Amino acid sequence: MYTDPKNKKFFKTAPDKNAPQEQRGTNRPLQDSREASSRPPQDSRETANRPSQEQRTPGRPAQNRMEEQSPVQNDQAERTGSPDRLEGRNPVLEALRAGRAMNKLWVAKLDGGRVDPIVSRIVAMARERNVLIMEVPRITLDQMSETHNHQGVIANVASHDYVELDDIILRAREKGEAPLLLLLDELKDAYNLGSILRIADAAGVHGVIIPKHRSIGLDSLVAKASAGAIEYVPVARVTNLSQTISALKEDGFWVAGTDAQGTIPYNKADLKGPLLIVIGSEGEGMNKNIREKCDFLLSIPMSGNVNSLNAAVAAGIVVFEAQRQRTAAKS
């Protein structure tokens, strides 16, 4: 299974292992002719001897981190929310729309104020589902809030379920689409993860992969930052990122890393086939062993004075370029 490579089970969606390796060659990392001479034809023996990233780009300096870590990010990285709590109008509304189990809903008393139409809709939907609704003073919600931006609504819900990675890929292929996945290498900021989920939903990403350890999980802070997208983007949690990448390569995926010293501009790479895009952590970037697993490294040309982007912005630029290419290929 993809979800936990240590269990050594076979992949339900893997292609025939006797198929020639040239099948992966249909999704070339470069769109122009510059790479034609740099990548020899592959055969079935090549999979076991994949060259490292340093071998593919000789003479390149060691890759730098995508961005510098700020004190604000350090504070955010240590903040975690409850996995069974949702705060804010959009997260609660989208959870109800998606059919997520909800146990209790706290709503701020109006005290003569203006009726919020979105909150009224949330209350009506919760009543239809026999959710226990508690009207409390706003100060009570202020004391309960973990995000400090509850907008008058807090819900107690079932903890968010993670999805099997092989199920994500199977679902994409059943729709006749080349799977597009994001892998987040030890992301620790809830706001970044929530923003990436929101971007992934908008760009048609089929799923997001996070590690079980040294990473933020799906909690109330992430749900708030995602503005409800957490309900629609499947997230797989795996034990070993490196082994997961290797398994995806065997299944025909190309792996593109994002790095400040990347050798290929993001808009010059072919992002149309089965693709895994790797996003590094805040301040740390990609781990060395993950970087070496990448087939190619993407760069985002910048001309400003601050030569760095946070993880969510970098992810958004690359995945929307991938979506643009895929849409253009269909027309």
C-alpha atoms as a PDB file:
ATOM      1  CA  MET A   1       0.000   0.000   0.000  1.00  0.00           C
ATOM      2  CA  TYR A   2       1.226   3.527  -0.583  1.00  0.00           C
ATOM      3  CA  THR A   3       0.203   4.697   2.867  1.00  0.00           C
ATOM      4  CA  ASP A   4       2.877   2.798   4.752  1.00  0.00           C
ATOM      5  CA  PRO A   5       5.772   1.559   2.612  1.00  0.00           C
ATOM      6  CA  LYS A   6       7.157  -0.455   5.547  1.00  0.00           C
ATOM      7  CA  ASN A   7       4.389  -3.024   5.213  1.00  0.00           C
ATOM      8  CA  LYS A   8       5.847  -4.080   1.836  1.00  0.00           C
ATOM      9  CA  LYS A   9       2.469  -4.758   0.265  1.00  0.00           C
ATOM     10  CA  PHE A  10       2.036  -4.539  -3.449  1.00  0.00           C
ATOM     11  CA  PHE A  11       0.362  -1.496  -4.972  1.00  0.00           C
ATOM     12  CA  LYS A  12      -3.087  -2.044  -6.387  1.00  0.00           C
ATOM     13  CA  THR A  13      -2.623   0.702  -8.965  1.00  0.00           C
ATOM     14  CA  ALA A  14       0.904  -0.100 -10.087  1.00  0.00           C
ATOM     15  CA  PRO A  15       1.390  -0.818 -13.803  1.00  0.00           C
ATOM     16  CA  ASP A  16       2.752  -4.067 -15.147  1.00  0.00           C
ATOM     17  CA  LYS A  17       6.335  -4.371 -13.938  1.00  0.00           C
ATOM     18  CA  ASN A  18       7.262  -6.040 -17.223  1.00  0.00           C
ATOM     19  CA  ALA A  19       6.234  -2.952 -19.141  1.00  0.00           C
ATOM     20  CA  PRO A  20       9.170  -1.094 -20.710  1.00  0.00           C
ATOM     21  CA  GLN A  21      10.492   1.858 -18.744  1.00  0.00           C
ATOM     22  CA  GLU A  22       9.985   4.101 -21.762  1.00  0.00           C
ATOM     23  CA  GLN A  23       6.414   4.593 -20.570  1.00  0.00           C
ATOM     24  CA  ARG A  24       7.668   7.145 -18.055  1.00  0.00           C
ATOM     25  CA  GLY A  25       9.581   8.858 -20.808  1.00  0.00           C
ATOM     26  CA  THR A  26       6.346  10.240 -22.256  1.00  0.00           C
ATOM     27  CA  ASN A  27       6.319  12.872 -19.527  1.00  0.00           C
ATOM     28  CA  ARG A  28       9.559  14.683 -20.177  1.00  0.00           C
ATOM     29  CA  PRO A  29      10.723  17.127 -17.495  1.00  0.00           C
ATOM     30  CA  LEU A  30      11.697  19.710 -20.134  1.00  0.00           C
ATOM     31  CA  GLN A  31       9.504  21.054 -22.909  1.00  0.00           C
ATOM     32  CA  ASP A  32      12.255  22.157 -25.252  1.00  0.00           C
ATOM     33  CA  SER A  33      15.050  20.276 -26.969  1.00  0.00           C
ATOM     34  CA  ARG A  34      17.780  21.148 -24.480  1.00  0.00           C
ATOM     35  CA  GLU A  35      17.292  17.959 -22.495  1.00  0.00           C
ATOM     36  CA  ALA A  36      17.078  15.601 -25.453  1.00  0.00           C
ATOM     37  CA  SER A  37      20.778  14.885 -25.352  1.00  0.00           C
ATOM     38  CA  SER A  38      21.038  14.798 -21.562  1.00  0.00           C
ATOM     39  CA  ARG A  39      18.623  11.938 -20.944  1.00  0.00           C
ATOM     40  CA  PRO A  40      19.406   8.646 -22.675  1.00  0.00           C
ATOM     41  CA  PRO A  41      16.653   6.139 -23.472  1.00  0.00           C
ATOM     42  CA  GLN A  42      15.639   4.081 -20.452  1.00  0.00           C
ATOM     43  CA  ASP A  43      15.196   0.380 -20.191  1.00  0.00           C
ATOM     44  CA  SER A  44      13.951  -1.852 -17.418  1.00  0.00           C
ATOM     45  CA  ARG A  45      17.410  -2.014 -15.835  1.00  0.00           C
ATOM     46  CA  GLU A  46      17.593   1.706 -15.243  1.00  0.00           C
ATOM     47  CA  THR A  47      15.074   1.828 -12.392  1.00  0.00           C
ATOM     48  CA  ALA A  48      17.501   0.155 -10.016  1.00  0.00           C
ATOM     49  CA  ASN A  49      20.285   2.586 -10.930  1.00  0.00           C
ATOM     50  CA  ARG A  50      18.556   5.968 -10.951  1.00  0.00           C
ATOM     51  CA  PRO A  51      21.190   8.713 -10.835  1.00  0.00           C
ATOM     52  CA  SER A  52      21.038  11.114  -7.920  1.00  0.00           C
ATOM     53  CA  GLN A  53      20.176  14.784  -8.483  1.00  0.00           C
ATOM     54  CA  GLU A  54      23.845  15.744  -8.177  1.00  0.00           C
ATOM     55  CA  GLN A  55      24.751  13.313 -10.976  1.00  0.00           C
ATOM     56  CA  ARG A  56      22.105  14.796 -13.258  1.00  0.00           C
ATOM     57  CA  THR A  57      23.303  18.351 -12.772  1.00  0.00           C
ATOM     58  CA  PRO A  58      27.099  18.200 -12.316  1.00  0.00           C
ATOM     59  CA  GLY A  59      28.833  21.303 -11.078  1.00  0.00           C
ATOM     60  CA  ARG A  60      25.770  22.725  -9.346  1.00  0.00           C
ATOM     61  CA  PRO A  61      26.367  24.119  -5.846  1.00  0.00           C
ATOM     62  CA  ALA A  62      24.653  22.585  -2.865  1.00  0.00           C
ATOM     63  CA  GLN A  63      20.962  23.522  -2.876  1.00  0.00           C
ATOM     64  CA  ASN A  64      19.970  26.357  -0.566  1.00  0.00           C
ATOM     65  CA  ARG A  65      16.825  26.470   1.508  1.00  0.00           C
ATOM     66  CA  MET A  66      13.713  27.937  -0.072  1.00  0.00           C
ATOM     67  CA  GLU A  67      13.202  30.573   2.610  1.00  0.00           C
ATOM     68  CA  GLU A  68      14.571  31.857   5.905  1.00  0.00           C
ATOM     69  CA  GLN A  69      12.686  31.042   9.050  1.00  0.00           C
ATOM     70  CA  SER A  70      11.186  33.988  10.912  1.00  0.00           C
ATOM     71  CA  PRO A  71      10.395  34.316  14.621  1.00  0.00           C
ATOM     72  CA  VAL A  72       6.696  34.442  13.725  1.00  0.00           C
ATOM     73  CA  GLN A  73       6.981  31.061  12.011  1.00  0.00           C
ATOM     74  CA  ASN A  74       8.724  29.624  15.050  1.00  0.00           C
ATOM     75  CA  ASP A  75       5.806  30.660  17.216  1.00  0.00           C
ATOM     76  CA  GLN A  76       3.261  29.284  14.755  1.00  0.00           C
ATOM     77  CA  ALA A  77       5.111  26.006  14.346  1.00  0.00           C
ATOM     78  CA  GLU A  78       4.626  25.223  18.040  1.00  0.00           C
ATOM     79  CA  ARG A  79       0.912  26.066  17.988  1.00  0.00           C
ATOM     80  CA  THR A  80      -1.401  23.139  17.416  1.00  0.00           C
ATOM     81  CA  GLY A  81      -5.159  22.969  17.558  1.00  0.00           C
ATOM     82  CA  SER A  82      -7.631  20.258  18.477  1.00  0.00           C
ATOM     83  CA  PRO A  83      -8.337  17.648  15.782  1.00  0.00           C
ATOM     84  CA  ASP A  84     -12.037  17.602  16.768  1.00  0.00           C
ATOM     85  CA  ARG A  85     -12.661  21.357  16.722  1.00  0.00           C
ATOM     86  CA  LEU A  86     -13.714  23.712  13.922  1.00  0.00           C
ATOM     87  CA  GLU A  87     -13.881  27.486  14.254  1.00  0.00           C
ATOM     88  CA  GLY A  88     -15.232  30.137  11.898  1.00  0.00           C
ATOM     89  CA  ARG A  89     -18.119  30.353   9.455  1.00  0.00           C
ATOM     90  CA  ASN A  90     -16.511  28.818   6.340  1.00  0.00           C
ATOM     91  CA  PRO A  91     -14.893  25.787   8.041  1.00  0.00           C
ATOM     92  CA  VAL A  92     -18.112  24.902   9.884  1.00  0.00           C
ATOM     93  CA  LEU A  93     -20.359  25.507   6.863  1.00  0.00           C
ATOM     94  CA  GLU A  94     -18.199  23.390   4.539  1.00  0.00           C
ATOM     95  CA  ALA A  95     -18.035  20.597   7.126  1.00  0.00           C
ATOM     96  CA  LEU A  96     -21.839  20.479   7.201  1.00  0.00           C
ATOM     97  CA  ARG A  97     -22.024  20.548   3.411  1.00  0.00           C
ATOM     98  CA  ALA A  98     -19.508  17.699   3.180  1.00  0.00           C
ATOM     99  CA  GLY A  99     -21.526  15.591   5.633  1.00  0.00           C
ATOM    100  CA  ARG A 100     -18.890  15.489   8.353  1.00  0.00           C
ATOM    101  CA  ALA A 101     -20.214  14.191  11.680  1.00  0.00           C
ATOM    102  CA  MET A 102     -20.877  17.070  14.089  1.00  0.00           C
ATOM    103  CA  ASN A 103     -21.637  16.594  17.773  1.00  0.00           C
ATOM    104  CA  LYS A 104     -22.184  20.103  19.145  1.00  0.00           C
ATOM    105  CA  LEU A 105     -22.373  23.650  17.838  1.00  0.00           C
ATOM    106  CA  TRP A 106     -21.703  26.781  19.905  1.00  0.00           C
ATOM    107  CA  VAL A 107     -23.137  30.018  18.502  1.00  0.00           C
ATOM    108  CA  ALA A 108     -22.696  33.530  19.920  1.00  0.00           C
ATOM    109  CA  LYS A 109     -25.856  35.213  21.189  1.00  0.00           C
ATOM    110  CA  LEU A 110     -26.865  38.157  19.056  1.00  0.00           C
ATOM    111  CA  ASP A 111     -27.499  40.611  21.931  1.00  0.00           C
ATOM    112  CA  GLY A 112     -29.428  42.881  19.574  1.00  0.00           C
ATOM    113  CA  GLY A 113     -26.795  42.773  16.819  1.00  0.00           C
ATOM    114  CA  ARG A 114     -27.301  42.147  13.107  1.00  0.00           C
ATOM    115  CA  VAL A 115     -28.171  38.593  12.047  1.00  0.00           C
ATOM    116  CA  ASP A 116     -25.387  36.980  10.026  1.00  0.00           C
ATOM    117  CA  PRO A 117     -26.945  35.080   7.072  1.00  0.00           C
ATOM    118  CA  ILE A 118     -24.119  32.515   6.957  1.00  0.00           C
ATOM    119  CA  VAL A 119     -24.445  31.767  10.681  1.00  0.00           C
ATOM    120  CA  SER A 120     -28.222  31.450  10.233  1.00  0.00           C
ATOM    121  CA  ARG A 121     -27.630  28.913   7.448  1.00  0.00           C
ATOM    122  CA  ILE A 122     -25.194  26.978   9.662  1.00  0.00           C
ATOM    123  CA  VAL A 123     -27.739  26.823  12.490  1.00  0.00           C
ATOM    124  CA  ALA A 124     -30.490  25.675  10.100  1.00  0.00           C
ATOM    125  CA  MET A 125     -28.304  22.924   8.616  1.00  0.00           C
ATOM    126  CA  ALA A 126     -27.182  21.798  12.081  1.00  0.00           C
ATOM    127  CA  ARG A 127     -30.810  21.542  13.234  1.00  0.00           C
ATOM    128  CA  GLU A 128     -31.639  19.370  10.227  1.00  0.00           C
ATOM    129  CA  ARG A 129     -28.889  16.981  11.356  1.00  0.00           C
ATOM    130  CA  ASN A 130     -30.028  17.004  14.995  1.00  0.00           C
ATOM    131  CA  VAL A 131     -26.817  18.649  16.179  1.00  0.00           C
ATOM    132  CA  LEU A 132     -26.933  19.993  19.739  1.00  0.00           C
ATOM    133  CA  ILE A 133     -26.843  23.814  19.438  1.00  0.00           C
ATOM    134  CA  MET A 134     -25.720  26.008  22.334  1.00  0.00           C
ATOM    135  CA  GLU A 135     -26.237  29.777  22.291  1.00  0.00           C
ATOM    136  CA  VAL A 136     -23.605  31.349  24.546  1.00  0.00           C
ATOM    137  CA  PRO A 137     -22.199  34.836  25.179  1.00  0.00           C
ATOM    138  CA  ARG A 138     -19.462  35.829  22.748  1.00  0.00           C
ATOM    139  CA  ILE A 139     -16.969  36.025  25.614  1.00  0.00           C
ATOM    140  CA  THR A 140     -17.485  32.288  26.165  1.00  0.00           C
ATOM    141  CA  LEU A 141     -16.440  31.603  22.567  1.00  0.00           C
ATOM    142  CA  ASP A 142     -13.468  33.953  23.027  1.00  0.00           C
ATOM    143  CA  GLN A 143     -12.319  31.785  25.931  1.00  0.00           C
ATOM    144  CA  MET A 144     -12.875  28.546  24.004  1.00  0.00           C
ATOM    145  CA  SER A 145     -11.243  29.687  20.763  1.00  0.00           C
ATOM    146  CA  GLU A 146      -7.898  28.268  19.643  1.00  0.00           C
ATOM    147  CA  THR A 147      -7.667  30.336  16.466  1.00  0.00           C
ATOM    148  CA  HIS A 148      -8.755  33.629  18.103  1.00  0.00           C
ATOM    149  CA  ASN A 149     -10.959  34.195  15.051  1.00  0.00           C
ATOM    150  CA  HIS A 150     -14.087  32.120  15.679  1.00  0.00           C
ATOM    151  CA  GLN A 151     -16.530  34.560  13.973  1.00  0.00           C
ATOM    152  CA  GLY A 152     -19.231  33.571  16.457  1.00  0.00           C
ATOM    153  CA  VAL A 153     -19.242  29.848  15.611  1.00  0.00           C
ATOM    154  CA  ILE A 154     -17.384  26.852  17.088  1.00  0.00           C
ATOM    155  CA  ALA A 155     -18.211  23.206  16.370  1.00  0.00           C
ATOM    156  CA  ASN A 156     -17.211  19.931  17.957  1.00  0.00           C
ATOM    157  CA  VAL A 157     -16.742  17.399  15.140  1.00  0.00           C
ATOM    158  CA  ALA A 158     -15.366  13.949  14.480  1.00  0.00           C
ATOM    159  CA  SER A 159     -11.605  13.977  13.958  1.00  0.00           C
ATOM    160  CA  HIS A 160     -10.685  14.380  10.309  1.00  0.00           C
ATOM    161  CA  ASP A 161      -9.969  11.102   8.539  1.00  0.00           C
ATOM    162  CA  TYR A 162      -6.781  10.567   6.569  1.00  0.00           C
ATOM    163  CA  VAL A 163      -6.979   8.735   3.241  1.00  0.00           C
ATOM    164  CA  GLU A 164      -4.980   5.838   1.797  1.00  0.00           C
ATOM    165  CA  LEU A 165      -2.575   7.103  -0.857  1.00  0.00           C
ATOM    166  CA  ASP A 166      -3.380   4.301  -3.271  1.00  0.00           C
ATOM    167  CA  ASP A 167      -7.070   5.261  -3.039  1.00  0.00           C
ATOM    168  CA  ILE A 168      -6.233   8.863  -4.004  1.00  0.00           C
ATOM    169  CA  ILE A 169      -4.338   7.682  -7.083  1.00  0.00           C
ATOM    170  CA  LEU A 170      -6.996   5.146  -8.041  1.00  0.00           C
ATOM    171  CA  ARG A 171      -9.689   7.839  -7.824  1.00  0.00           C
ATOM    172  CA  ALA A 172      -7.711  10.125 -10.166  1.00  0.00           C
ATOM    173  CA  ARG A 173      -7.153   7.374 -12.716  1.00  0.00           C
ATOM    174  CA  GLU A 174     -10.808   6.343 -12.625  1.00  0.00           C
ATOM    175  CA  LYS A 175     -11.627   9.889 -13.742  1.00  0.00           C
ATOM    176  CA  GLY A 176      -9.191   9.521 -16.638  1.00  0.00           C
ATOM    177  CA  GLU A 177      -6.777  12.093 -15.206  1.00  0.00           C
ATOM    178  CA  ALA A 178      -3.013  11.942 -14.674  1.00  0.00           C
ATOM    179  CA  PRO A 179      -2.558  12.079 -10.878  1.00  0.00           C
ATOM    180  CA  LEU A 180      -1.216  15.367  -9.500  1.00  0.00           C
ATOM    181  CA  LEU A 181       0.009  15.107  -5.905  1.00  0.00           C
ATOM    182  CA  LEU A 182       1.717  17.407  -3.419  1.00  0.00           C
ATOM    183  CA  LEU A 183       4.213  16.069  -0.876  1.00  0.00           C
ATOM    184  CA  LEU A 184       4.972  18.353   2.085  1.00  0.00           C
ATOM    185  CA  ASP A 185       8.375  17.683   3.613  1.00  0.00           C
ATOM    186  CA  GLU A 186       7.924  18.241   7.377  1.00  0.00           C
ATOM    187  CA  LEU A 187       5.749  21.354   7.145  1.00  0.00           C
ATOM    188  CA  LYS A 188       5.109  22.664  10.666  1.00  0.00           C
ATOM    189  CA  ASP A 189       3.064  25.842  10.209  1.00  0.00           C
ATOM    190  CA  ALA A 190      -0.705  25.354  10.429  1.00  0.00           C
ATOM    191  CA  TYR A 191      -1.359  28.446   8.316  1.00  0.00           C
ATOM    192  CA  ASN A 192       0.886  27.157   5.514  1.00  0.00           C
ATOM    193  CA  LEU A 193      -0.769  23.721   5.495  1.00  0.00           C
ATOM    194  CA  GLY A 194      -4.248  25.247   5.511  1.00  0.00           C
ATOM    195  CA  SER A 195      -3.309  27.617   2.690  1.00  0.00           C
ATOM    196  CA  ILE A 196      -1.842  24.759   0.647  1.00  0.00           C
ATOM    197  CA  LEU A 197      -5.062  22.752   1.070  1.00  0.00           C
ATOM    198  CA  ARG A 198      -7.028  25.770  -0.174  1.00  0.00           C
ATOM    199  CA  ILE A 199      -4.681  26.120  -3.161  1.00  0.00           C
ATOM    200  CA  ALA A 200      -4.822  22.373  -3.871  1.00  0.00           C
ATOM    201  CA  ASP A 201      -8.619  22.436  -3.963  1.00  0.00           C
ATOM    202  CA  ALA A 202      -8.670  25.409  -6.345  1.00  0.00           C
ATOM    203  CA  ALA A 203      -5.990  23.945  -8.664  1.00  0.00           C
ATOM    204  CA  GLY A 204      -7.455  20.449  -8.923  1.00  0.00           C
ATOM    205  CA  VAL A 205      -4.696  18.651  -7.005  1.00  0.00           C
ATOM    206  CA  HIS A 206      -5.817  15.085  -6.372  1.00  0.00           C
ATOM    207  CA  GLY A 207      -4.240  14.724  -2.940  1.00  0.00           C
ATOM    208  CA  VAL A 208      -1.644  15.872  -0.409  1.00  0.00           C
ATOM    209  CA  ILE A 209       0.927  13.704   1.371  1.00  0.00           C
ATOM    210  CA  ILE A 210       2.338  14.536   4.814  1.00  0.00           C
ATOM    211  CA  PRO A 211       4.602  12.534   7.146  1.00  0.00           C
ATOM    212  CA  LYS A 212       3.279  11.032  10.383  1.00  0.00           C
ATOM    213  CA  HIS A 213       6.115  12.560  12.386  1.00  0.00           C
ATOM    214  CA  ARG A 214       7.740  16.029  12.527  1.00  0.00           C
ATOM    215  CA  SER A 215       4.806  17.634  10.711  1.00  0.00           C
ATOM    216  CA  ILE A 216       1.641  19.551  11.464  1.00  0.00           C
ATOM    217  CA  GLY A 217      -1.503  17.423  11.196  1.00  0.00           C
ATOM    218  CA  LEU A 218      -5.129  18.215  10.411  1.00  0.00           C
ATOM    219  CA  ASP A 219      -6.462  20.273  13.310  1.00  0.00           C
ATOM    220  CA  SER A 220      -8.623  23.315  14.047  1.00  0.00           C
ATOM    221  CA  LEU A 221      -5.907  25.811  13.075  1.00  0.00           C
ATOM    222  CA  VAL A 222      -5.363  24.122   9.720  1.00  0.00           C
ATOM    223  CA  ALA A 223      -9.101  23.891   9.126  1.00  0.00           C
ATOM    224  CA  LYS A 224      -9.526  27.609   9.798  1.00  0.00           C
ATOM    225  CA  ALA A 225      -6.650  28.548   7.465  1.00  0.00           C
ATOM    226  CA  SER A 226      -8.032  26.304   4.715  1.00  0.00           C
ATOM    227  CA  ALA A 227     -11.415  28.133   4.728  1.00  0.00           C
ATOM    228  CA  GLY A 228     -13.171  24.767   4.444  1.00  0.00           C
ATOM    229  CA  ALA A 229     -10.940  23.202   1.786  1.00  0.00           C
ATOM    230  CA  ILE A 230      -9.858  20.597   4.352  1.00  0.00           C
ATOM    231  CA  GLU A 231     -13.204  18.876   3.704  1.00  0.00           C
ATOM    232  CA  TYR A 232     -12.497  18.345  -0.009  1.00  0.00           C
ATOM    233  CA  VAL A 233      -8.762  17.674  -0.428  1.00  0.00           C
ATOM    234  CA  PRO A 234      -7.730  14.092   0.487  1.00  0.00           C
ATOM    235  CA  VAL A 235      -4.690  13.976   2.778  1.00  0.00           C
ATOM    236  CA  ALA A 236      -2.558  10.842   3.165  1.00  0.00           C
ATOM    237  CA  ARG A 237      -0.243  10.375   6.130  1.00  0.00           C
ATOM    238  CA  VAL A 238       2.765   8.119   5.521  1.00  0.00           C
ATOM    239  CA  THR A 239       5.537   6.749   7.715  1.00  0.00           C
ATOM    240  CA  ASN A 240       8.502   7.276   5.389  1.00  0.00           C
ATOM    241  CA  LEU A 241       8.562  10.003   2.733  1.00  0.00           C
ATOM    242  CA  SER A 242      11.641   8.661   0.987  1.00  0.00           C
ATOM    243  CA  GLN A 243      10.209   5.178   0.521  1.00  0.00           C
ATOM    244  CA  THR A 244       6.881   6.658  -0.592  1.00  0.00           C
ATOM    245  CA  ILE A 245       8.659   8.666  -3.295  1.00  0.00           C
ATOM    246  CA  SER A 246      10.479   5.551  -4.501  1.00  0.00           C
ATOM    247  CA  ALA A 247       7.201   3.646  -4.701  1.00  0.00           C
ATOM    248  CA  LEU A 248       5.563   6.437  -6.683  1.00  0.00           C
ATOM    249  CA  LYS A 249       8.472   6.467  -9.132  1.00  0.00           C
ATOM    250  CA  GLU A 250       7.976   2.766  -9.728  1.00  0.00           C
ATOM    251  CA  ASP A 251       4.344   3.547 -10.452  1.00  0.00           C
ATOM    252  CA  GLY A 252       5.269   5.980 -13.220  1.00  0.00           C
ATOM    253  CA  PHE A 253       5.394   9.303 -11.396  1.00  0.00           C
ATOM    254  CA  TRP A 254       7.891  12.061 -12.059  1.00  0.00           C
ATOM    255  CA  VAL A 255       9.059  13.859  -8.916  1.00  0.00           C
ATOM    256  CA  ALA A 256       9.659  17.621  -9.025  1.00  0.00           C
ATOM    257  CA  GLY A 257      11.187  19.447  -6.077  1.00  0.00           C
ATOM    258  CA  THR A 258      10.909  23.194  -5.446  1.00  0.00           C
ATOM    259  CA  ASP A 259      14.207  24.795  -4.511  1.00  0.00           C
ATOM    260  CA  ALA A 260      15.783  28.263  -4.655  1.00  0.00           C
ATOM    261  CA  GLN A 261      18.712  26.800  -6.623  1.00  0.00           C
ATOM    262  CA  GLY A 262      16.560  24.689  -8.928  1.00  0.00           C
ATOM    263  CA  THR A 263      17.917  24.108 -12.419  1.00  0.00           C
ATOM    264  CA  ILE A 264      14.638  24.309 -14.369  1.00  0.00           C
ATOM    265  CA  PRO A 265      12.258  27.311 -14.334  1.00  0.00           C
ATOM    266  CA  TYR A 266       8.837  26.089 -13.222  1.00  0.00           C
ATOM    267  CA  ASN A 267       7.187  27.261 -16.464  1.00  0.00           C
ATOM    268  CA  LYS A 268       9.720  25.397 -18.648  1.00  0.00           C
ATOM    269  CA  ALA A 269       9.054  21.954 -17.174  1.00  0.00           C
ATOM    270  CA  ASP A 270       6.512  19.488 -18.496  1.00  0.00           C
ATOM    271  CA  LEU A 271       4.041  19.066 -15.628  1.00  0.00           C
ATOM    272  CA  LYS A 272       1.295  17.205 -17.485  1.00  0.00           C
ATOM    273  CA  GLY A 273       1.925  13.527 -16.656  1.00  0.00           C
ATOM    274  CA  PRO A 274       1.646  11.690 -13.315  1.00  0.00           C
ATOM    275  CA  LEU A 275       3.478  14.125 -11.078  1.00  0.00           C
ATOM    276  CA  LEU A 276       4.534  14.514  -7.458  1.00  0.00           C
ATOM    277  CA  ILE A 277       5.518  18.072  -6.451  1.00  0.00           C
ATOM    278  CA  VAL A 278       7.633  18.310  -3.296  1.00  0.00           C
ATOM    279  CA  ILE A 279       7.387  21.386  -1.067  1.00  0.00           C
ATOM    280  CA  GLY A 280      10.031  21.902   1.621  1.00  0.00           C
ATOM    281  CA  SER A 281       9.447  23.006   5.187  1.00  0.00           C
ATOM    282  CA  GLU A 282       9.566  26.568   6.482  1.00  0.00           C
ATOM    283  CA  GLY A 283      13.156  27.712   6.904  1.00  0.00           C
ATOM    284  CA  GLU A 284      14.582  24.225   6.346  1.00  0.00           C
ATOM    285  CA  GLY A 285      13.532  23.530   2.772  1.00  0.00           C
ATOM    286  CA  MET A 286      13.703  19.953   1.525  1.00  0.00           C
ATOM    287  CA  ASN A 287      15.739  17.401   3.424  1.00  0.00           C
ATOM    288  CA  LYS A 288      18.844  16.275   1.550  1.00  0.00           C
ATOM    289  CA  ASN A 289      17.629  12.695   1.035  1.00  0.00           C
ATOM    290  CA  ILE A 290      14.302  13.969  -0.315  1.00  0.00           C
ATOM    291  CA  ARG A 291      16.045  16.417  -2.670  1.00  0.00           C
ATOM    292  CA  GLU A 292      18.209  13.623  -4.039  1.00  0.00           C
ATOM    293  CA  LYS A 293      15.074  11.591  -4.795  1.00  0.00           C
ATOM    294  CA  CYS A 294      13.696  14.318  -7.073  1.00  0.00           C
ATOM    295  CA  ASP A 295      13.957  13.806 -10.845  1.00  0.00           C
ATOM    296  CA  PHE A 296      14.435  17.556 -11.324  1.00  0.00           C
ATOM    297  CA  LEU A 297      14.371  20.744  -9.251  1.00  0.00           C
ATOM    298  CA  LEU A 298      12.141  23.660 -10.165  1.00  0.00           C
ATOM    299  CA  SER A 299      13.053  27.297  -9.654  1.00  0.00           C
ATOM    300  CA  ILE A 300      10.759  30.320  -9.456  1.00  0.00           C
ATOM    301  CA  PRO A 301      12.519  33.333 -11.028  1.00  0.00           C
ATOM    302  CA  MET A 302      12.288  36.422  -8.813  1.00  0.00           C
ATOM    303  CA  SER A 303      13.393  40.003  -9.355  1.00  0.00           C
ATOM    304  CA  GLY A 304      12.614  41.653  -6.014  1.00  0.00           C
ATOM    305  CA  ASN A 305      14.791  42.428  -3.023  1.00  0.00           C
ATOM    306  CA  VAL A 306      13.418  39.633  -0.826  1.00  0.00           C
ATOM    307  CA  ASN A 307      14.652  36.515  -2.589  1.00  0.00           C
ATOM    308  CA  SER A 308      12.385  33.971  -0.890  1.00  0.00           C
ATOM    309  CA  LEU A 309       8.799  32.716  -0.851  1.00  0.00           C
ATOM    310  CA  ASN A 310       6.896  30.894   1.844  1.00  0.00           C
ATOM    311  CA  ALA A 311       5.852  27.292   1.268  1.00  0.00           C
ATOM    312  CA  ALA A 312       2.222  28.035   0.399  1.00  0.00           C
ATOM    313  CA  VAL A 313       3.069  30.724  -2.179  1.00  0.00           C
ATOM    314  CA  ALA A 314       5.668  28.500  -3.860  1.00  0.00           C
ATOM    315  CA  ALA A 315       3.196  25.620  -3.971  1.00  0.00           C
ATOM    316  CA  GLY A 316       0.525  27.846  -5.496  1.00  0.00           C
ATOM    317  CA  ILE A 317       2.758  29.095  -8.297  1.00  0.00           C
ATOM    318  CA  VAL A 318       3.845  25.609  -9.330  1.00  0.00           C
ATOM    319  CA  VAL A 319       0.511  23.776  -9.046  1.00  0.00           C
ATOM    320  CA  PHE A 320      -1.379  26.429 -11.008  1.00  0.00           C
ATOM    321  CA  GLU A 321       1.229  26.162 -13.775  1.00  0.00           C
ATOM    322  CA  ALA A 322       0.667  22.400 -13.755  1.00  0.00           C
ATOM    323  CA  GLN A 323      -3.077  22.969 -13.979  1.00  0.00           C
ATOM    324  CA  ARG A 324      -2.611  25.454 -16.845  1.00  0.00           C
ATOM    325  CA  GLN A 325      -0.579  22.931 -18.831  1.00  0.00           C
ATOM    326  CA  ARG A 326      -3.071  20.136 -18.202  1.00  0.00           C
ATOM    327  CA  THR A 327      -6.038  22.281 -19.214  1.00  0.00           C
ATOM    328  CA  ALA A 328      -4.253  23.416 -22.382  1.00  0.00           C
ATOM    329  CA  ALA A 329      -3.447  19.808 -23.301  1.00  0.00           C
ATOM    330  CA  LYS A 330      -7.141  18.890 -23.182  1.00  0.00           C
ATOM    331  CA  SER A 331      -8.210  21.679 -25.529  1.00  0.00           C
END
